[in-house]
């Protein structure tokens, strides 16, 4: 590529980096479309989106990427957007994992009592808004009694208050591993998933929690979660159906392509408008199979060189082949292909069979020109 053109291109890219709104110029629509086709995201036009919002920030309505697509002629799947209400979504917390208890520890009565005491201190700290202190007390309680699901679930509830959903999910998982029927474990994990915008997971956990031990907080969160979860589910089902329809269309096109290929191969075995001589059983099978694949009528004429009536009707048979080029006209000399004559039980010549889809549908015995012409006209229609 010319060095000067490369330099110009580099300058243009640098201008786009410093001012992405250039890409919204109508004259550059072709370049914008190309960049988007590579998966790039173009910032909104400040001139037409002055009231816009940061799509990555919590507390705003977002258009989350979901498997929406439209099918073009080439079956390309193009993702579209689905609008979700992300008002209460928070930034994902990436803190190191909190201390977790050792479930193999043998817990004594004294340890249980001490853990309960730490839990009560944590509850007092929560009531005073000292959430960090509450976490410390609950962590100590978990170390003392690591087989208590309620301690993990309670600490999860504090992490939710601290806007640390991932930490809350780790504790909720631990609670549910100890007690698969922990209503609070499902509730806290559901709320934490909602905080992360994992709407379907949140709805699933909250529904289970409501069945185990319903409270108003669960109902309140579900009212916010369910609309998003329902949109995603309906969206997915709709486009799973479209994908299935696309695959069916592809399969049908492939079937038609293969059939067309088979038809071309079959047609190559014919000589439209001419009589084809048959000399063996395998050759006859090939021609009859080809006629079946192409939905053509086949006419099989058994003759002999010494037969006077055959010499009488043969010119007509040849002229009819030219008149009906889409019919397969075959001819067998019984002296050259005795096995075929025996297979078809030929007792006299000329004998002419009409064959459709591999099956005999009619025949003419003897040099009856009128009957031959009538039957060909009948079956050709």
Protein backbone atom coordinates (compact mmCIF):
# COMPACT_ATOMS: atom_id res chain seq x y z
CA UNK A 1 0.00 0.00 0.00
CA UNK A 2 1.26 3.47 -0.84
CA UNK A 3 3.10 5.00 2.15
CA UNK A 4 1.39 8.38 1.75
CA UNK A 5 -2.05 6.74 1.87
CA UNK A 6 -1.05 4.82 5.01
CA UNK A 7 0.01 8.10 6.60
CA UNK A 8 -3.31 9.71 5.68
CA UNK A 9 -5.18 6.74 7.13
CA UNK A 10 -3.19 6.96 10.37
CA UNK A 11 -4.00 10.66 10.63
CA UNK A 12 -7.70 9.96 10.11
CA UNK A 13 -7.69 7.25 12.82
CA UNK A 14 -5.95 9.64 15.24
CA UNK A 15 -8.65 12.24 14.54
CA UNK A 16 -11.36 9.66 15.24
CA UNK A 17 -9.68 8.76 18.53
CA UNK A 18 -9.65 12.37 19.65
CA UNK A 19 -13.14 13.10 18.32
CA UNK A 20 -15.25 9.93 17.84
CA UNK A 21 -18.25 12.04 16.81
CA UNK A 22 -16.62 12.30 13.38
CA UNK A 23 -17.91 8.79 12.71
CA UNK A 24 -21.50 10.10 12.79
CA UNK A 25 -20.85 12.16 9.68
CA UNK A 26 -23.21 10.75 6.98
CA UNK A 27 -20.38 10.71 4.44
CA UNK A 28 -18.52 8.20 6.66
CA UNK A 29 -21.49 5.89 7.20
CA UNK A 30 -19.77 3.13 5.21
CA UNK A 31 -16.74 3.25 7.54
CA UNK A 32 -18.95 3.38 10.63
CA UNK A 33 -20.83 0.28 9.48
CA UNK A 34 -17.56 -1.54 8.84
CA UNK A 35 -16.18 -0.70 12.30
CA UNK A 36 -19.42 -1.87 13.94
CA UNK A 37 -19.34 -5.12 11.95
CA UNK A 38 -16.02 -5.88 13.67
CA UNK A 39 -17.72 -5.61 17.07
CA UNK A 40 -16.72 -2.04 17.88
CA UNK A 41 -19.10 0.23 19.77
CA UNK A 42 -19.52 3.77 18.51
CA UNK A 43 -20.14 6.45 21.22
CA UNK A 44 -23.48 8.24 20.82
CA UNK A 45 -23.58 11.41 18.76
CA UNK A 46 -23.41 14.34 21.23
CA UNK A 47 -25.55 16.41 18.87
CA UNK A 48 -28.45 13.94 18.87
CA UNK A 49 -27.97 12.38 22.28
CA UNK A 50 -27.48 15.37 24.58
CA UNK A 51 -29.81 13.88 27.13
CA UNK A 52 -28.02 10.54 27.08
CA UNK A 53 -26.43 8.59 29.90
CA UNK A 54 -23.39 6.45 30.56
CA UNK A 55 -24.42 2.91 29.69
CA UNK A 56 -21.80 1.41 31.98
CA UNK A 57 -22.79 3.26 35.12
CA UNK A 58 -25.29 1.89 37.64
CA UNK A 59 -28.52 3.66 38.37
CA UNK A 60 -29.50 4.20 34.75
CA UNK A 61 -31.67 2.45 32.19
CA UNK A 62 -29.43 0.33 29.98
CA UNK A 63 -29.67 -1.62 26.77
CA UNK A 64 -28.06 -4.93 27.67
CA UNK A 65 -26.72 -7.09 24.89
CA UNK A 66 -28.86 -10.16 24.46
CA UNK A 67 -29.25 -12.70 21.68
CA UNK A 68 -31.63 -10.63 19.52
CA UNK A 69 -30.97 -11.04 15.86
CA UNK A 70 -32.41 -10.67 12.43
CA UNK A 71 -31.77 -13.03 9.57
CA UNK A 72 -30.65 -11.68 6.24
CA UNK A 73 -30.39 -13.51 2.96
CA UNK A 74 -27.07 -14.97 4.07
CA UNK A 75 -28.46 -16.06 7.46
CA UNK A 76 -26.07 -13.73 9.28
CA UNK A 77 -27.05 -13.33 12.93
CA UNK A 78 -26.95 -9.67 13.90
CA UNK A 79 -27.35 -8.89 17.59
CA UNK A 80 -29.88 -6.27 18.58
CA UNK A 81 -30.60 -4.75 21.98
CA UNK A 82 -33.14 -5.30 24.71
CA UNK A 83 -33.90 -2.53 27.17
CA UNK A 84 -33.57 -3.49 30.83
CA UNK A 85 -34.21 -1.43 33.93
CA UNK A 86 -30.87 -1.38 35.79
CA UNK A 87 -31.69 1.30 38.35
CA UNK A 88 -30.31 -0.60 41.35
CA UNK A 89 -27.35 -2.33 39.69
CA UNK A 90 -24.03 -1.68 41.40
CA UNK A 91 -20.39 -2.05 40.41
CA UNK A 92 -19.10 -5.59 40.85
CA UNK A 93 -16.96 -5.93 43.99
CA UNK A 94 -13.60 -7.58 43.39
CA UNK A 95 -12.27 -7.74 46.93
CA UNK A 96 -10.32 -10.80 48.07
CA UNK A 97 -12.55 -13.57 49.38
CA UNK A 98 -13.66 -13.19 52.99
CA UNK A 99 -12.60 -15.69 55.66
CA UNK A 100 -14.61 -18.89 55.49
CA UNK A 101 -14.88 -21.47 58.25
CA UNK A 102 -13.50 -25.00 58.17
CA UNK A 103 -16.50 -27.36 57.97
CA UNK A 104 -14.40 -30.28 59.19
CA UNK A 105 -13.92 -28.64 62.61
CA UNK A 106 -15.74 -30.38 65.46
CA UNK A 107 -17.92 -27.73 67.08
CA UNK A 108 -18.38 -27.93 70.84
CA UNK A 109 -21.21 -26.45 72.91
CA UNK A 110 -18.84 -23.77 74.20
CA UNK A 111 -17.96 -22.82 70.60
CA UNK A 112 -21.65 -22.63 69.67
CA UNK A 113 -22.36 -20.40 72.64
CA UNK A 114 -19.41 -18.16 71.81
CA UNK A 115 -20.55 -17.96 68.18
CA UNK A 116 -24.06 -16.99 69.29
CA UNK A 117 -22.59 -14.27 71.47
CA UNK A 118 -20.63 -12.88 68.49
CA UNK A 119 -23.78 -12.99 66.39
CA UNK A 120 -25.68 -10.90 68.97
CA UNK A 121 -22.86 -8.36 68.98
CA UNK A 122 -23.10 -8.24 65.18
CA UNK A 123 -26.86 -7.59 65.35
CA UNK A 124 -26.26 -4.71 67.75
CA UNK A 125 -23.58 -3.30 65.44
CA UNK A 126 -25.97 -3.53 62.47
CA UNK A 127 -28.63 -1.63 64.38
CA UNK A 128 -26.07 1.10 65.06
CA UNK A 129 -25.00 1.22 61.41
CA UNK A 130 -21.55 -0.19 62.19
CA UNK A 131 -21.50 -2.64 59.30
CA UNK A 132 -17.74 -3.22 59.24
CA UNK A 133 -17.83 -4.10 62.91
CA UNK A 134 -20.77 -6.42 62.27
CA UNK A 135 -18.76 -8.24 59.61
CA UNK A 136 -15.92 -8.75 62.08
CA UNK A 137 -18.25 -10.24 64.71
CA UNK A 138 -19.96 -12.51 62.19
CA UNK A 139 -16.61 -13.67 60.82
CA UNK A 140 -15.52 -14.59 64.34
CA UNK A 141 -18.82 -16.42 64.84
CA UNK A 142 -18.29 -18.37 61.61
CA UNK A 143 -14.78 -19.37 62.68
CA UNK A 144 -16.26 -20.71 65.91
CA UNK A 145 -19.24 -22.45 64.29
CA UNK A 146 -18.48 -23.04 60.59
CA UNK A 147 -21.42 -25.42 60.14
CA UNK A 148 -24.10 -22.81 60.81
CA UNK A 149 -25.94 -21.79 57.64
CA UNK A 150 -27.65 -18.87 59.35
CA UNK A 151 -24.32 -17.27 60.26
CA UNK A 152 -23.20 -17.26 56.63
CA UNK A 153 -26.59 -16.00 55.48
CA UNK A 154 -26.53 -13.22 58.07
CA UNK A 155 -23.06 -12.12 57.00
CA UNK A 156 -24.30 -12.21 53.41
CA UNK A 157 -27.07 -9.77 54.38
CA UNK A 158 -24.47 -7.36 55.77
CA UNK A 159 -22.40 -7.61 52.59
CA UNK A 160 -25.57 -6.72 50.66
CA UNK A 161 -25.92 -3.59 52.82
CA UNK A 162 -22.27 -2.79 52.03
CA UNK A 163 -22.96 -3.11 48.26
CA UNK A 164 -20.65 -6.11 47.99
CA UNK A 165 -22.81 -8.58 46.06
CA UNK A 166 -20.03 -11.02 45.12
CA UNK A 167 -19.04 -11.42 48.77
CA UNK A 168 -22.71 -11.90 49.64
CA UNK A 169 -23.04 -14.61 46.98
CA UNK A 170 -20.02 -16.48 48.37
CA UNK A 171 -21.60 -16.50 51.83
CA UNK A 172 -25.03 -17.43 50.46
CA UNK A 173 -23.48 -20.35 48.56
CA UNK A 174 -21.79 -21.52 51.76
CA UNK A 175 -25.09 -21.30 53.64
CA UNK A 176 -26.90 -23.31 50.96
CA UNK A 177 -24.17 -25.93 50.89
CA UNK A 178 -24.73 -26.48 54.60
CA UNK A 179 -28.53 -26.20 54.39
CA UNK A 180 -30.06 -26.55 50.90
CA UNK A 181 -33.37 -25.26 52.35
CA UNK A 182 -31.95 -22.03 53.74
CA UNK A 183 -34.56 -19.42 52.84
CA UNK A 184 -32.24 -16.61 53.88
CA UNK A 185 -29.44 -18.10 51.76
CA UNK A 186 -31.64 -18.01 48.65
CA UNK A 187 -32.96 -14.58 49.53
CA UNK A 188 -29.52 -13.01 49.99
CA UNK A 189 -28.14 -14.64 46.85
CA UNK A 190 -31.18 -13.48 44.90
CA UNK A 191 -30.81 -9.90 46.10
CA UNK A 192 -27.05 -9.97 45.40
CA UNK A 193 -27.65 -11.28 41.87
CA UNK A 194 -30.18 -8.50 41.32
CA UNK A 195 -27.57 -5.96 42.42
CA UNK A 196 -25.25 -7.39 39.72
CA UNK A 197 -27.95 -7.31 37.05
CA UNK A 198 -28.16 -11.13 36.86
CA UNK A 199 -31.93 -10.97 36.53
CA UNK A 200 -32.81 -14.57 35.76
CA UNK A 201 -30.60 -15.98 38.52
CA UNK A 202 -32.04 -13.43 40.92
CA UNK A 203 -35.64 -14.29 40.02
CA UNK A 204 -34.98 -18.02 40.41
CA UNK A 205 -33.42 -17.63 43.89
CA UNK A 206 -36.06 -15.19 45.09
CA UNK A 207 -38.92 -17.46 43.96
CA UNK A 208 -37.40 -20.35 45.92
CA UNK A 209 -36.91 -18.11 48.95
CA UNK A 210 -40.53 -16.94 48.80
CA UNK A 211 -41.74 -20.55 48.80
CA UNK A 212 -39.58 -21.40 51.81
CA UNK A 213 -40.26 -18.27 53.88
CA UNK A 214 -41.91 -15.31 52.16
CA UNK A 215 -41.42 -11.78 53.45
CA UNK A 216 -42.17 -8.31 52.11
CA UNK A 217 -38.57 -7.62 51.15
CA UNK A 218 -38.55 -10.62 48.81
CA UNK A 219 -41.78 -9.42 47.23
CA UNK A 220 -40.42 -5.92 46.80
CA UNK A 221 -37.25 -7.10 45.07
CA UNK A 222 -39.18 -9.51 42.88
CA UNK A 223 -41.29 -6.63 41.56
CA UNK A 224 -38.11 -5.07 40.20
CA UNK A 225 -36.46 -8.31 39.08
CA UNK A 226 -39.31 -10.15 37.35
CA UNK A 227 -39.94 -7.67 34.48
CA UNK A 228 -36.28 -7.86 33.40
CA UNK A 229 -36.12 -11.63 33.83
CA UNK A 230 -39.32 -12.02 31.84
CA UNK A 231 -38.03 -9.81 29.01
CA UNK A 232 -34.83 -11.83 28.78
CA UNK A 233 -36.68 -15.16 28.82
CA UNK A 234 -39.20 -14.08 26.16
CA UNK A 235 -36.38 -12.61 24.12
CA UNK A 236 -34.36 -15.83 24.30
CA UNK A 237 -37.33 -18.06 23.41
CA UNK A 238 -38.24 -15.89 20.45
CA UNK A 239 -34.78 -16.00 18.98
CA UNK A 240 -34.21 -19.65 19.77
CA UNK A 241 -37.24 -20.21 17.55
CA UNK A 242 -35.72 -17.97 14.87
CA UNK A 243 -32.44 -19.88 15.08
CA UNK A 244 -34.34 -23.13 14.71
CA UNK A 245 -36.20 -21.76 11.69
CA UNK A 246 -32.91 -20.58 10.22
CA UNK A 247 -31.37 -24.03 10.69
CA UNK A 248 -34.41 -25.67 9.08
CA UNK A 249 -34.10 -23.32 6.10
CA UNK A 250 -30.40 -24.09 5.83
CA UNK A 251 -31.11 -27.81 5.94
CA UNK A 252 -33.79 -27.43 3.28
CA UNK A 253 -31.45 -25.43 1.05
CA UNK A 254 -28.80 -28.10 1.48
CA UNK A 255 -31.33 -30.81 0.65
CA UNK A 256 -32.35 -28.91 -2.48
CA UNK A 257 -28.71 -28.39 -3.42
CA UNK A 258 -27.98 -32.09 -3.08
CA UNK A 259 -31.11 -32.96 -5.06
CA UNK A 260 -30.12 -30.52 -7.79
CA UNK A 261 -26.67 -32.09 -7.88
CA UNK A 262 -28.19 -35.56 -8.10
CA UNK A 263 -30.54 -34.35 -10.83
CA UNK A 264 -27.61 -32.93 -12.79
CA UNK A 265 -25.77 -36.22 -12.45
CA UNK A 266 -28.90 -38.10 -13.48
CA UNK A 267 -29.53 -35.83 -16.46
CA UNK A 268 -25.98 -36.38 -17.64
CA UNK A 269 -26.98 -40.03 -18.15
CA UNK A 270 -29.63 -39.05 -20.69
CA UNK A 271 -29.53 -38.04 -24.33
CA UNK A 272 -32.60 -35.87 -24.71
CA UNK A 273 -34.41 -36.57 -27.95
CA UNK A 274 -32.45 -39.76 -28.65
CA UNK A 275 -32.91 -43.48 -28.06
CA UNK A 276 -30.41 -44.92 -25.56
CA UNK A 277 -29.17 -48.44 -26.14
CA UNK A 278 -29.05 -50.70 -23.07
CA UNK A 279 -26.62 -53.63 -22.94
CA UNK A 280 -26.66 -54.84 -19.31
CA UNK A 281 -28.76 -55.05 -16.17
CA UNK A 282 -26.58 -52.53 -14.33
CA UNK A 283 -26.85 -50.07 -17.20
CA UNK A 284 -30.64 -50.37 -17.19
CA UNK A 285 -30.78 -49.87 -13.39
CA UNK A 286 -28.67 -46.71 -13.70
CA UNK A 287 -30.97 -45.23 -16.35
CA UNK A 288 -34.19 -46.16 -14.52
CA UNK A 289 -32.87 -44.75 -11.23
CA UNK A 290 -31.90 -41.55 -13.01
CA UNK A 291 -35.39 -41.33 -14.52
CA UNK A 292 -36.92 -41.76 -11.07
CA UNK A 293 -34.71 -39.05 -9.52
CA UNK A 294 -35.69 -36.59 -12.24
CA UNK A 295 -39.39 -37.64 -12.23
CA UNK A 296 -39.24 -38.72 -15.86
CA UNK A 297 -41.23 -41.37 -17.65
CA UNK A 298 -39.04 -44.16 -19.05
CA UNK A 299 -40.00 -46.33 -22.05
CA UNK A 300 -38.21 -49.64 -22.43
CA UNK A 301 -38.32 -51.17 -25.94
CA UNK A 302 -37.25 -54.80 -26.41
CA UNK A 303 -36.33 -55.56 -30.02
CA UNK A 304 -34.27 -57.90 -32.22
CA UNK A 305 -32.38 -57.43 -35.48
CA UNK A 306 -34.19 -60.35 -37.17
CA UNK A 307 -37.67 -59.10 -36.14
CA UNK A 308 -39.73 -57.71 -39.07
CA UNK A 309 -42.34 -55.91 -36.89
CA UNK A 310 -39.47 -54.34 -34.94
CA UNK A 311 -38.01 -52.90 -38.16
CA UNK A 312 -41.50 -51.57 -38.89
CA UNK A 313 -41.94 -49.74 -35.56
CA UNK A 314 -38.32 -48.70 -34.82
CA UNK A 315 -38.38 -45.53 -37.03
CA UNK A 316 -41.51 -44.36 -35.22
CA UNK A 317 -39.87 -45.07 -31.84
CA UNK A 318 -36.89 -42.93 -32.88
CA UNK A 319 -39.11 -40.08 -34.11
CA UNK A 320 -41.14 -40.16 -30.90
CA UNK A 321 -37.92 -39.82 -28.90
CA UNK A 322 -37.22 -36.59 -30.78
CA UNK A 323 -40.81 -35.41 -30.26
CA UNK A 324 -40.75 -36.07 -26.47
CA UNK A 325 -37.21 -35.12 -25.34
CA UNK A 326 -38.17 -35.22 -21.63
CA UNK A 327 -39.12 -38.89 -21.83
CA UNK A 328 -36.32 -41.45 -21.49
CA UNK A 329 -36.42 -43.78 -24.53
CA UNK A 330 -34.47 -47.01 -23.94
CA UNK A 331 -33.87 -49.90 -26.33
CA UNK A 332 -32.68 -53.46 -25.60
CA UNK A 333 -31.64 -56.02 -28.24
CA UNK A 334 -32.69 -59.34 -26.71
CA UNK A 335 -29.88 -61.20 -28.49
CA UNK A 336 -27.25 -58.88 -27.00
CA UNK A 337 -28.78 -58.78 -23.50
CA UNK A 338 -30.40 -62.17 -22.95
CA UNK A 339 -30.30 -61.77 -19.17
CA UNK A 340 -32.48 -58.65 -19.42
CA UNK A 341 -34.91 -60.40 -21.73
CA UNK A 342 -35.23 -63.25 -19.22
CA UNK A 343 -35.58 -60.84 -16.28
CA UNK A 344 -38.43 -59.01 -18.02
CA UNK A 345 -40.05 -62.28 -19.22
CA UNK A 346 -39.90 -61.30 -22.88
CA UNK A 347 -41.72 -63.93 -24.97
CA UNK A 348 -42.16 -61.87 -28.13
CA UNK A 349 -40.86 -58.70 -29.73
CA UNK A 350 -41.46 -55.88 -30.06
CA UNK A 351 -42.53 -55.42 -26.42
CA UNK A 352 -42.54 -51.91 -25.00
CA UNK A 353 -42.86 -51.12 -21.26
CA UNK A 354 -43.87 -47.77 -19.72
CA UNK A 355 -42.05 -47.24 -16.42
CA UNK A 356 -42.58 -44.53 -13.82
CA UNK A 357 -40.72 -44.34 -10.50
CA UNK A 358 -39.16 -47.73 -11.21
CA UNK A 359 -42.50 -49.50 -11.67
CA UNK A 360 -44.22 -50.76 -14.81
CA UNK A 361 -47.41 -48.77 -15.43
CA UNK A 362 -48.33 -50.05 -18.92
CA UNK A 363 -47.00 -51.89 -21.98
CA UNK A 364 -47.54 -52.43 -25.69
CA UNK A 365 -46.93 -55.85 -27.28
CA UNK A 366 -46.55 -55.99 -31.06
CA UNK A 367 -46.01 -53.35 -33.72
CA UNK A 368 -49.09 -51.32 -32.86
CA UNK A 369 -48.09 -47.80 -33.87
CA UNK A 370 -51.40 -46.25 -32.86
CA UNK A 371 -51.35 -47.78 -29.38
CA UNK A 372 -47.73 -46.71 -28.90
CA UNK A 373 -48.45 -43.10 -29.87
CA UNK A 374 -51.61 -42.91 -27.75
CA UNK A 375 -49.95 -44.28 -24.64
CA UNK A 376 -46.93 -42.02 -24.99
CA UNK A 377 -49.20 -38.99 -25.37
CA UNK A 378 -51.23 -40.17 -22.35
CA UNK A 379 -48.28 -40.66 -20.00
CA UNK A 380 -46.35 -37.68 -21.27
CA UNK A 381 -49.19 -35.48 -20.02
